[in-house]
Amino acid sequence: MTLHKIPTSFNGFKILQISDLHSKSFGKDNYRLINKISSENPDIIVITRDTINTKDTDFKVFINLAKQVSKSYDTYYIVGNHEQNLSGNKLKALIDNRKVSQW
């Protein structure tokens, strides 16, 4: 399929989307997911919605994944309803960690 509204400069540009992880881990430190991402060699990664489970207490799985992929790829993140439904303190902790770790 050809989309004529997309500039030709995007030919071959690869966007990898990660969504709805719900705090799931794919092997120790998400090594299986990180290896799969690396094998795809994207130009950018977009992490869209529901990366955490609202019952998660420290968001460690997601934060470690985000830190790892953002070392190698431009990474963009938007929140979903699970993040939006966090209590004020948990949401603040997630946002503050993002600012500190610069992912």
PDB file of N, CA and C in Angstrom:
ATOM      1  N   MET A   1       0.841  -1.165   0.000  1.00  0.00           N
ATOM      2  CA  MET A   1       0.000   0.000   0.000  1.00  0.00           C
ATOM      3  C   MET A   1       0.894   1.239   0.000  1.00  0.00           C
ATOM      4  N   THR A   2       0.553   2.209  -0.779  1.00  0.00           N
ATOM      5  CA  THR A   2       1.267   3.474  -0.834  1.00  0.00           C
ATOM      6  C   THR A   2       0.362   4.572  -0.296  1.00  0.00           C
ATOM      7  N   LEU A   3       0.895   5.336   0.627  1.00  0.00           N
ATOM      8  CA  LEU A   3       0.170   6.481   1.180  1.00  0.00           C
ATOM      9  C   LEU A   3       0.850   7.740   0.669  1.00  0.00           C
ATOM     10  N   HIS A   4       0.165   8.503  -0.115  1.00  0.00           N
ATOM     11  CA  HIS A   4       0.762   9.644  -0.789  1.00  0.00           C
ATOM     12  C   HIS A   4       0.968  10.848   0.122  1.00  0.00           C
ATOM     13  N   LYS A   5       0.359  10.873   1.292  1.00  0.00           N
ATOM     14  CA  LYS A   5       0.511  12.008   2.203  1.00  0.00           C
ATOM     15  C   LYS A   5       1.768  11.895   3.067  1.00  0.00           C
ATOM     16  N   ILE A   6       2.408  10.733   3.064  1.00  0.00           N
ATOM     17  CA  ILE A   6       3.626  10.544   3.860  1.00  0.00           C
ATOM     18  C   ILE A   6       4.821  10.913   2.993  1.00  0.00           C
ATOM     19  N   PRO A   7       5.677  11.807   3.489  1.00  0.00           N
ATOM     20  CA  PRO A   7       6.841  12.230   2.698  1.00  0.00           C
ATOM     21  C   PRO A   7       7.750  11.052   2.342  1.00  0.00           C
ATOM     22  N   THR A   8       8.375  11.119   1.198  1.00  0.00           N
ATOM     23  CA  THR A   8       9.273  10.043   0.769  1.00  0.00           C
ATOM     24  C   THR A   8      10.458   9.879   1.709  1.00  0.00           C
ATOM     25  N   SER A   9      10.763  10.912   2.492  1.00  0.00           N
ATOM     26  CA  SER A   9      11.869  10.791   3.453  1.00  0.00           C
ATOM     27  C   SER A   9      11.589   9.716   4.507  1.00  0.00           C
ATOM     28  N   PHE A  10      10.327   9.289   4.623  1.00  0.00           N
ATOM     29  CA  PHE A  10       9.974   8.227   5.563  1.00  0.00           C
ATOM     30  C   PHE A  10      10.047   6.836   4.936  1.00  0.00           C
ATOM     31  N   ASN A  11      10.412   6.735   3.679  1.00  0.00           N
ATOM     32  CA  ASN A  11      10.588   5.416   3.062  1.00  0.00           C
ATOM     33  C   ASN A  11      11.629   4.629   3.850  1.00  0.00           C
ATOM     34  N   GLY A  12      11.257   3.446   4.279  1.00  0.00           N
ATOM     35  CA  GLY A  12      12.178   2.608   5.041  1.00  0.00           C
ATOM     36  C   GLY A  12      12.274   2.963   6.518  1.00  0.00           C
ATOM     37  N   PHE A  13      11.565   3.995   6.966  1.00  0.00           N
ATOM     38  CA  PHE A  13      11.590   4.417   8.366  1.00  0.00           C
ATOM     39  C   PHE A  13      10.756   3.428   9.181  1.00  0.00           C
ATOM     40  N   LYS A  14      11.352   2.850  10.226  1.00  0.00           N
ATOM     41  CA  LYS A  14      10.673   1.816  10.993  1.00  0.00           C
ATOM     42  C   LYS A  14      10.294   2.325  12.388  1.00  0.00           C
ATOM     43  N   ILE A  15       9.001   2.271  12.687  1.00  0.00           N
ATOM     44  CA  ILE A  15       8.472   2.647  13.997  1.00  0.00           C
ATOM     45  C   ILE A  15       8.029   1.365  14.691  1.00  0.00           C
ATOM     46  N   LEU A  16       8.567   1.109  15.864  1.00  0.00           N
ATOM     47  CA  LEU A  16       8.175  -0.057  16.638  1.00  0.00           C
ATOM     48  C   LEU A  16       7.269   0.406  17.772  1.00  0.00           C
ATOM     49  N   GLN A  17       6.094  -0.169  17.858  1.00  0.00           N
ATOM     50  CA  GLN A  17       5.132   0.204  18.895  1.00  0.00           C
ATOM     51  C   GLN A  17       5.057  -0.892  19.948  1.00  0.00           C
ATOM     52  N   ILE A  18       5.106  -0.465  21.207  1.00  0.00           N
ATOM     53  CA  ILE A  18       4.918  -1.360  22.342  1.00  0.00           C
ATOM     54  C   ILE A  18       3.694  -0.858  23.086  1.00  0.00           C
ATOM     55  N   SER A  19       2.763  -1.767  23.380  1.00  0.00           N
ATOM     56  CA  SER A  19       1.518  -1.340  24.008  1.00  0.00           C
ATOM     57  C   SER A  19       0.973  -2.433  24.920  1.00  0.00           C
ATOM     58  N   ASP A  20       0.248  -2.014  25.942  1.00  0.00           N
ATOM     59  CA  ASP A  20      -0.513  -2.918  26.808  1.00  0.00           C
ATOM     60  C   ASP A  20       0.330  -4.017  27.455  1.00  0.00           C
ATOM     61  N   LEU A  21       1.465  -3.650  27.984  1.00  0.00           N
ATOM     62  CA  LEU A  21       2.305  -4.634  28.672  1.00  0.00           C
ATOM     63  C   LEU A  21       1.751  -5.001  30.056  1.00  0.00           C
ATOM     64  N   HIS A  22       1.057  -4.088  30.689  1.00  0.00           N
ATOM     65  CA  HIS A  22       0.453  -4.337  32.006  1.00  0.00           C
ATOM     66  C   HIS A  22       1.448  -4.950  32.995  1.00  0.00           C
ATOM     67  N   SER A  23       2.661  -4.375  33.050  1.00  0.00           N
ATOM     68  CA  SER A  23       3.729  -4.779  33.971  1.00  0.00           C
ATOM     69  C   SER A  23       4.260  -6.185  33.701  1.00  0.00           C
ATOM     70  N   LYS A  24       3.990  -6.745  32.547  1.00  0.00           N
ATOM     71  CA  LYS A  24       4.454  -8.090  32.207  1.00  0.00           C
ATOM     72  C   LYS A  24       5.931  -8.046  31.848  1.00  0.00           C
ATOM     73  N   SER A  25       6.638  -9.079  32.270  1.00  0.00           N
ATOM     74  CA  SER A  25       8.051  -9.204  31.954  1.00  0.00           C
ATOM     75  C   SER A  25       8.248 -10.402  31.031  1.00  0.00           C
ATOM     76  N   PHE A  26       9.150 -10.270  30.095  1.00  0.00           N
ATOM     77  CA  PHE A  26       9.450 -11.331  29.145  1.00  0.00           C
ATOM     78  C   PHE A  26      10.887 -11.801  29.381  1.00  0.00           C
ATOM     79  N   GLY A  27      11.049 -12.605  30.401  1.00  0.00           N
ATOM     80  CA  GLY A  27      12.365 -13.077  30.802  1.00  0.00           C
ATOM     81  C   GLY A  27      13.006 -12.113  31.792  1.00  0.00           C
ATOM     82  N   LYS A  28      14.120 -12.545  32.375  1.00  0.00           N
ATOM     83  CA  LYS A  28      14.821 -11.714  33.355  1.00  0.00           C
ATOM     84  C   LYS A  28      15.194 -10.378  32.727  1.00  0.00           C
ATOM     85  N   ASP A  29      14.811  -9.310  33.376  1.00  0.00           N
ATOM     86  CA  ASP A  29      15.071  -7.950  32.880  1.00  0.00           C
ATOM     87  C   ASP A  29      14.539  -7.732  31.463  1.00  0.00           C
ATOM     88  N   ASN A  30      13.493  -8.460  31.111  1.00  0.00           N
ATOM     89  CA  ASN A  30      12.840  -8.339  29.802  1.00  0.00           C
ATOM     90  C   ASN A  30      13.783  -8.651  28.642  1.00  0.00           C
ATOM     91  N   TYR A  31      14.757  -9.524  28.871  1.00  0.00           N
ATOM     92  CA  TYR A  31      15.765  -9.764  27.842  1.00  0.00           C
ATOM     93  C   TYR A  31      15.160 -10.279  26.531  1.00  0.00           C
ATOM     94  N   ARG A  32      14.087 -11.102  26.594  1.00  0.00           N
ATOM     95  CA  ARG A  32      13.498 -11.612  25.348  1.00  0.00           C
ATOM     96  C   ARG A  32      12.863 -10.487  24.537  1.00  0.00           C
ATOM     97  N   LEU A  33      12.175  -9.584  25.215  1.00  0.00           N
ATOM     98  CA  LEU A  33      11.560  -8.458  24.515  1.00  0.00           C
ATOM     99  C   LEU A  33      12.627  -7.512  23.972  1.00  0.00           C
ATOM    100  N   ILE A  34      13.634  -7.221  24.746  1.00  0.00           N
ATOM    101  CA  ILE A  34      14.712  -6.331  24.301  1.00  0.00           C
ATOM    102  C   ILE A  34      15.454  -6.945  23.106  1.00  0.00           C
ATOM    103  N   ASN A  35      15.704  -8.253  23.149  1.00  0.00           N
ATOM    104  CA  ASN A  35      16.357  -8.908  22.001  1.00  0.00           C
ATOM    105  C   ASN A  35      15.493  -8.830  20.751  1.00  0.00           C
ATOM    106  N   LYS A  36      14.187  -9.000  20.903  1.00  0.00           N
ATOM    107  CA  LYS A  36      13.287  -8.911  19.752  1.00  0.00           C
ATOM    108  C   LYS A  36      13.279  -7.484  19.193  1.00  0.00           C
ATOM    109  N   ILE A  37      13.239  -6.510  20.077  1.00  0.00           N
ATOM    110  CA  ILE A  37      13.284  -5.110  19.639  1.00  0.00           C
ATOM    111  C   ILE A  37      14.577  -4.852  18.865  1.00  0.00           C
ATOM    112  N   SER A  38      15.693  -5.313  19.412  1.00  0.00           N
ATOM    113  CA  SER A  38      16.992  -5.115  18.752  1.00  0.00           C
ATOM    114  C   SER A  38      17.022  -5.772  17.373  1.00  0.00           C
ATOM    115  N   SER A  39      16.418  -6.950  17.264  1.00  0.00           N
ATOM    116  CA  SER A  39      16.432  -7.643  15.966  1.00  0.00           C
ATOM    117  C   SER A  39      15.611  -6.894  14.915  1.00  0.00           C
ATOM    118  N   GLU A  40      14.654  -6.104  15.354  1.00  0.00           N
ATOM    119  CA  GLU A  40      13.841  -5.303  14.422  1.00  0.00           C
ATOM    120  C   GLU A  40      14.550  -4.018  14.010  1.00  0.00           C
ATOM    121  N   ASN A  41      15.500  -3.559  14.809  1.00  0.00           N
ATOM    122  CA  ASN A  41      16.293  -2.360  14.531  1.00  0.00           C
ATOM    123  C   ASN A  41      15.422  -1.167  14.111  1.00  0.00           C
ATOM    124  N   PRO A  42      14.521  -0.733  14.998  1.00  0.00           N
ATOM    125  CA  PRO A  42      13.635   0.372  14.636  1.00  0.00           C
ATOM    126  C   PRO A  42      14.361   1.718  14.620  1.00  0.00           C
ATOM    127  N   ASP A  43      13.781   2.661  13.908  1.00  0.00           N
ATOM    128  CA  ASP A  43      14.294   4.036  13.948  1.00  0.00           C
ATOM    129  C   ASP A  43      13.834   4.736  15.223  1.00  0.00           C
ATOM    130  N   ILE A  44      12.600   4.470  15.628  1.00  0.00           N
ATOM    131  CA  ILE A  44      12.086   4.998  16.891  1.00  0.00           C
ATOM    132  C   ILE A  44      11.188   3.942  17.530  1.00  0.00           C
ATOM    133  N   ILE A  45      10.975   4.109  18.834  1.00  0.00           N
ATOM    134  CA  ILE A  45      10.044   3.264  19.568  1.00  0.00           C
ATOM    135  C   ILE A  45       8.975   4.163  20.159  1.00  0.00           C
ATOM    136  N   VAL A  46       7.728   3.754  20.006  1.00  0.00           N
ATOM    137  CA  VAL A  46       6.627   4.450  20.653  1.00  0.00           C
ATOM    138  C   VAL A  46       5.996   3.473  21.650  1.00  0.00           C
ATOM    139  N   ILE A  47       5.929   3.899  22.888  1.00  0.00           N
ATOM    140  CA  ILE A  47       5.337   3.083  23.944  1.00  0.00           C
ATOM    141  C   ILE A  47       3.990   3.715  24.256  1.00  0.00           C
ATOM    142  N   THR A  48       2.942   2.982  23.941  1.00  0.00           N
ATOM    143  CA  THR A  48       1.613   3.562  24.012  1.00  0.00           C
ATOM    144  C   THR A  48       0.726   2.798  24.988  1.00  0.00           C
ATOM    145  N   ARG A  49       0.360   3.436  26.026  1.00  0.00           N
ATOM    146  CA  ARG A  49      -0.689   3.068  26.964  1.00  0.00           C
ATOM    147  C   ARG A  49      -0.514   1.753  27.707  1.00  0.00           C
ATOM    148  N   ASP A  50      -1.000   1.792  28.912  1.00  0.00           N
ATOM    149  CA  ASP A  50      -1.139   0.619  29.774  1.00  0.00           C
ATOM    150  C   ASP A  50       0.128  -0.234  29.879  1.00  0.00           C
ATOM    151  N   THR A  51       1.221   0.433  30.143  1.00  0.00           N
ATOM    152  CA  THR A  51       2.481  -0.273  30.329  1.00  0.00           C
ATOM    153  C   THR A  51       2.571  -0.885  31.715  1.00  0.00           C
ATOM    154  N   ILE A  52       1.792  -0.339  32.628  1.00  0.00           N
ATOM    155  CA  ILE A  52       1.815  -0.825  34.009  1.00  0.00           C
ATOM    156  C   ILE A  52       0.444  -1.374  34.379  1.00  0.00           C
ATOM    157  N   ASN A  53       0.450  -2.112  35.447  1.00  0.00           N
ATOM    158  CA  ASN A  53      -0.780  -2.625  36.043  1.00  0.00           C
ATOM    159  C   ASN A  53      -1.060  -1.745  37.252  1.00  0.00           C
ATOM    160  N   THR A  54      -2.284  -1.335  37.448  1.00  0.00           N
ATOM    161  CA  THR A  54      -2.592  -0.422  38.558  1.00  0.00           C
ATOM    162  C   THR A  54      -2.300  -1.037  39.913  1.00  0.00           C
ATOM    163  N   LYS A  55      -2.142  -2.357  39.977  1.00  0.00           N
ATOM    164  CA  LYS A  55      -1.791  -3.017  41.244  1.00  0.00           C
ATOM    165  C   LYS A  55      -0.289  -3.049  41.476  1.00  0.00           C
ATOM    166  N   ASP A  56       0.486  -2.663  40.464  1.00  0.00           N
ATOM    167  CA  ASP A  56       1.944  -2.608  40.566  1.00  0.00           C
ATOM    168  C   ASP A  56       2.313  -1.574  41.624  1.00  0.00           C
ATOM    169  N   THR A  57       3.332  -1.854  42.404  1.00  0.00           N
ATOM    170  CA  THR A  57       3.705  -0.930  43.479  1.00  0.00           C
ATOM    171  C   THR A  57       4.941  -0.097  43.171  1.00  0.00           C
ATOM    172  N   ASP A  58       5.824  -0.591  42.301  1.00  0.00           N
ATOM    173  CA  ASP A  58       7.057   0.172  42.055  1.00  0.00           C
ATOM    174  C   ASP A  58       7.362   0.408  40.578  1.00  0.00           C
ATOM    175  N   PHE A  59       6.607  -0.191  39.672  1.00  0.00           N
ATOM    176  CA  PHE A  59       6.755   0.003  38.223  1.00  0.00           C
ATOM    177  C   PHE A  59       8.130  -0.407  37.702  1.00  0.00           C
ATOM    178  N   LYS A  60       8.839  -1.212  38.479  1.00  0.00           N
ATOM    179  CA  LYS A  60      10.213  -1.582  38.158  1.00  0.00           C
ATOM    180  C   LYS A  60      10.348  -2.238  36.778  1.00  0.00           C
ATOM    181  N   VAL A  61       9.435  -3.142  36.441  1.00  0.00           N
ATOM    182  CA  VAL A  61       9.528  -3.848  35.156  1.00  0.00           C
ATOM    183  C   VAL A  61       9.474  -2.855  34.000  1.00  0.00           C
ATOM    184  N   PHE A  62       8.495  -1.972  34.025  1.00  0.00           N
ATOM    185  CA  PHE A  62       8.365  -1.001  32.935  1.00  0.00           C
ATOM    186  C   PHE A  62       9.513   0.000  32.930  1.00  0.00           C
ATOM    187  N   ILE A  63       9.869   0.528  34.079  1.00  0.00           N
ATOM    188  CA  ILE A  63      10.931   1.537  34.149  1.00  0.00           C
ATOM    189  C   ILE A  63      12.251   0.966  33.628  1.00  0.00           C
ATOM    190  N   ASN A  64      12.566  -0.269  34.012  1.00  0.00           N
ATOM    191  CA  ASN A  64      13.807  -0.880  33.520  1.00  0.00           C
ATOM    192  C   ASN A  64      13.761  -1.096  32.007  1.00  0.00           C
ATOM    193  N   LEU A  65      12.615  -1.520  31.488  1.00  0.00           N
ATOM    194  CA  LEU A  65      12.477  -1.685  30.037  1.00  0.00           C
ATOM    195  C   LEU A  65      12.673  -0.345  29.332  1.00  0.00           C
ATOM    196  N   ALA A  66      12.003   0.682  29.820  1.00  0.00           N
ATOM    197  CA  ALA A  66      12.100   2.006  29.195  1.00  0.00           C
ATOM    198  C   ALA A  66      13.538   2.522  29.224  1.00  0.00           C
ATOM    199  N   LYS A  67      14.228   2.327  30.332  1.00  0.00           N
ATOM    200  CA  LYS A  67      15.623   2.763  30.426  1.00  0.00           C
ATOM    201  C   LYS A  67      16.488   2.025  29.410  1.00  0.00           C
ATOM    202  N   GLN A  68      16.270   0.711  29.282  1.00  0.00           N
ATOM    203  CA  GLN A  68      17.087  -0.083  28.368  1.00  0.00           C
ATOM    204  C   GLN A  68      16.873   0.320  26.909  1.00  0.00           C
ATOM    205  N   VAL A  69      15.620   0.413  26.476  1.00  0.00           N
ATOM    206  CA  VAL A  69      15.387   0.711  25.051  1.00  0.00           C
ATOM    207  C   VAL A  69      15.760   2.142  24.707  1.00  0.00           C
ATOM    208  N   SER A  70      15.608   3.063  25.665  1.00  0.00           N
ATOM    209  CA  SER A  70      15.907   4.463  25.357  1.00  0.00           C
ATOM    210  C   SER A  70      17.408   4.728  25.263  1.00  0.00           C
ATOM    211  N   LYS A  71      18.225   3.783  25.698  1.00  0.00           N
ATOM    212  CA  LYS A  71      19.673   3.919  25.523  1.00  0.00           C
ATOM    213  C   LYS A  71      20.062   3.795  24.044  1.00  0.00           C
ATOM    214  N   SER A  72      19.298   2.997  23.302  1.00  0.00           N
ATOM    215  CA  SER A  72      19.651   2.707  21.914  1.00  0.00           C
ATOM    216  C   SER A  72      18.738   3.351  20.880  1.00  0.00           C
ATOM    217  N   TYR A  73      17.522   3.736  21.298  1.00  0.00           N
ATOM    218  CA  TYR A  73      16.540   4.228  20.336  1.00  0.00           C
ATOM    219  C   TYR A  73      15.839   5.462  20.876  1.00  0.00           C
ATOM    220  N   ASP A  74      15.505   6.390  19.985  1.00  0.00           N
ATOM    221  CA  ASP A  74      14.624   7.484  20.383  1.00  0.00           C
ATOM    222  C   ASP A  74      13.308   6.841  20.798  1.00  0.00           C
ATOM    223  N   THR A  75      12.841   7.185  21.998  1.00  0.00           N
ATOM    224  CA  THR A  75      11.684   6.508  22.573  1.00  0.00           C
ATOM    225  C   THR A  75      10.657   7.538  23.023  1.00  0.00           C
ATOM    226  N   TYR A  76       9.413   7.308  22.654  1.00  0.00           N
ATOM    227  CA  TYR A  76       8.315   8.213  22.995  1.00  0.00           C
ATOM    228  C   TYR A  76       7.260   7.423  23.766  1.00  0.00           C
ATOM    229  N   TYR A  77       6.643   8.088  24.741  1.00  0.00           N
ATOM    230  CA  TYR A  77       5.733   7.399  25.646  1.00  0.00           C
ATOM    231  C   TYR A  77       4.491   8.230  25.900  1.00  0.00           C
ATOM    232  N   ILE A  78       3.330   7.584  25.820  1.00  0.00           N
ATOM    233  CA  ILE A  78       2.082   8.223  26.242  1.00  0.00           C
ATOM    234  C   ILE A  78       1.385   7.293  27.228  1.00  0.00           C
ATOM    235  N   VAL A  79       0.656   7.885  28.150  1.00  0.00           N
ATOM    236  CA  VAL A  79      -0.020   7.098  29.181  1.00  0.00           C
ATOM    237  C   VAL A  79      -1.358   6.575  28.669  1.00  0.00           C
ATOM    238  N   GLY A  80      -1.827   5.536  29.320  1.00  0.00           N
ATOM    239  CA  GLY A  80      -3.141   4.975  29.046  1.00  0.00           C
ATOM    240  C   GLY A  80      -4.003   5.058  30.288  1.00  0.00           C
ATOM    241  N   ASN A  81      -5.130   4.398  30.245  1.00  0.00           N
ATOM    242  CA  ASN A  81      -6.048   4.497  31.380  1.00  0.00           C
ATOM    243  C   ASN A  81      -5.478   3.887  32.661  1.00  0.00           C
ATOM    244  N   HIS A  82      -4.634   2.874  32.561  1.00  0.00           N
ATOM    245  CA  HIS A  82      -4.060   2.303  33.781  1.00  0.00           C
ATOM    246  C   HIS A  82      -3.137   3.313  34.468  1.00  0.00           C
ATOM    247  N   GLU A  83      -2.376   4.052  33.693  1.00  0.00           N
ATOM    248  CA  GLU A  83      -1.528   5.090  34.283  1.00  0.00           C
ATOM    249  C   GLU A  83      -2.389   6.244  34.799  1.00  0.00           C
ATOM    250  N   GLN A  84      -3.385   6.643  34.045  1.00  0.00           N
ATOM    251  CA  GLN A  84      -4.248   7.757  34.450  1.00  0.00           C
ATOM    252  C   GLN A  84      -5.046   7.431  35.708  1.00  0.00           C
ATOM    253  N   ASN A  85      -5.331   6.168  35.952  1.00  0.00           N
ATOM    254  CA  ASN A  85      -6.121   5.771  37.108  1.00  0.00           C
ATOM    255  C   ASN A  85      -5.291   5.532  38.368  1.00  0.00           C
ATOM    256  N   LEU A  86      -3.997   5.779  38.284  1.00  0.00           N
ATOM    257  CA  LEU A  86      -3.163   5.638  39.475  1.00  0.00           C
ATOM    258  C   LEU A  86      -3.529   6.708  40.495  1.00  0.00           C
ATOM    259  N   SER A  87      -3.330   6.382  41.766  1.00  0.00           N
ATOM    260  CA  SER A  87      -3.525   7.407  42.791  1.00  0.00           C
ATOM    261  C   SER A  87      -2.489   8.497  42.569  1.00  0.00           C
ATOM    262  N   GLY A  88      -2.743   9.674  43.109  1.00  0.00           N
ATOM    263  CA  GLY A  88      -1.848  10.816  42.909  1.00  0.00           C
ATOM    264  C   GLY A  88      -0.400  10.520  43.233  1.00  0.00           C
ATOM    265  N   ASN A  89      -0.150   9.826  44.344  1.00  0.00           N
ATOM    266  CA  ASN A  89       1.228   9.531  44.747  1.00  0.00           C
ATOM    267  C   ASN A  89       1.913   8.564  43.786  1.00  0.00           C
ATOM    268  N   LYS A  90       1.183   7.536  43.337  1.00  0.00           N
ATOM    269  CA  LYS A  90       1.778   6.570  42.412  1.00  0.00           C
ATOM    270  C   LYS A  90       2.050   7.205  41.051  1.00  0.00           C
ATOM    271  N   LEU A  91       1.123   7.995  40.560  1.00  0.00           N
ATOM    272  CA  LEU A  91       1.320   8.675  39.284  1.00  0.00           C
ATOM    273  C   LEU A  91       2.496   9.636  39.376  1.00  0.00           C
ATOM    274  N   LYS A  92       2.586  10.366  40.463  1.00  0.00           N
ATOM    275  CA  LYS A  92       3.708  11.285  40.672  1.00  0.00           C
ATOM    276  C   LYS A  92       5.032  10.514  40.691  1.00  0.00           C
ATOM    277  N   ALA A  93       5.052   9.364  41.361  1.00  0.00           N
ATOM    278  CA  ALA A  93       6.272   8.553  41.425  1.00  0.00           C
ATOM    279  C   ALA A  93       6.688   8.080  40.033  1.00  0.00           C
ATOM    280  N   LEU A  94       5.722   7.666  39.234  1.00  0.00           N
ATOM    281  CA  LEU A  94       6.022   7.221  37.876  1.00  0.00           C
ATOM    282  C   LEU A  94       6.560   8.371  37.037  1.00  0.00           C
ATOM    283  N   ILE A  95       5.925   9.508  37.105  1.00  0.00           N
ATOM    284  CA  ILE A  95       6.360  10.684  36.339  1.00  0.00           C
ATOM    285  C   ILE A  95       7.720  11.186  36.833  1.00  0.00           C
ATOM    286  N   ASP A  96       7.906  11.252  38.139  1.00  0.00           N
ATOM    287  CA  ASP A  96       9.183  11.713  38.685  1.00  0.00           C
ATOM    288  C   ASP A  96      10.320  10.789  38.267  1.00  0.00           C
ATOM    289  N   ASN A  97      10.075   9.483  38.237  1.00  0.00           N
ATOM    290  CA  ASN A  97      11.115   8.543  37.824  1.00  0.00           C
ATOM    291  C   ASN A  97      11.475   8.781  36.369  1.00  0.00           C
ATOM    292  N   ARG A  98      10.480   9.061  35.539  1.00  0.00           N
ATOM    293  CA  ARG A  98      10.740   9.342  34.129  1.00  0.00           C
ATOM    294  C   ARG A  98      11.648  10.552  33.987  1.00  0.00           C
ATOM    295  N   LYS A  99      11.382  11.608  34.764  1.00  0.00           N
ATOM    296  CA  LYS A  99      12.181  12.821  34.661  1.00  0.00           C
ATOM    297  C   LYS A  99      13.609  12.577  35.126  1.00  0.00           C
ATOM    298  N   VAL A 100      13.761  11.819  36.205  1.00  0.00           N
ATOM    299  CA  VAL A 100      15.090  11.565  36.751  1.00  0.00           C
ATOM    300  C   VAL A 100      15.907  10.693  35.822  1.00  0.00           C
ATOM    301  N   SER A 101      15.293   9.641  35.286  1.00  0.00           N
ATOM    302  CA  SER A 101      16.052   8.694  34.460  1.00  0.00           C
ATOM    303  C   SER A 101      16.172   9.157  33.014  1.00  0.00           C
ATOM    304  N   GLN A 102      15.451  10.206  32.629  1.00  0.00           N
ATOM    305  CA  GLN A 102      15.497  10.803  31.292  1.00  0.00           C
ATOM    306  C   GLN A 102      15.174   9.815  30.189  1.00  0.00           C
ATOM    307  N   TRP A 103      14.167   9.000  30.368  1.00  0.00           N
ATOM    308  CA  TRP A 103      13.720   8.131  29.279  1.00  0.00           C
ATOM    309  C   TRP A 103      12.470   8.676  28.690  1.00  0.00           C
TER     310      TRP A 103
END
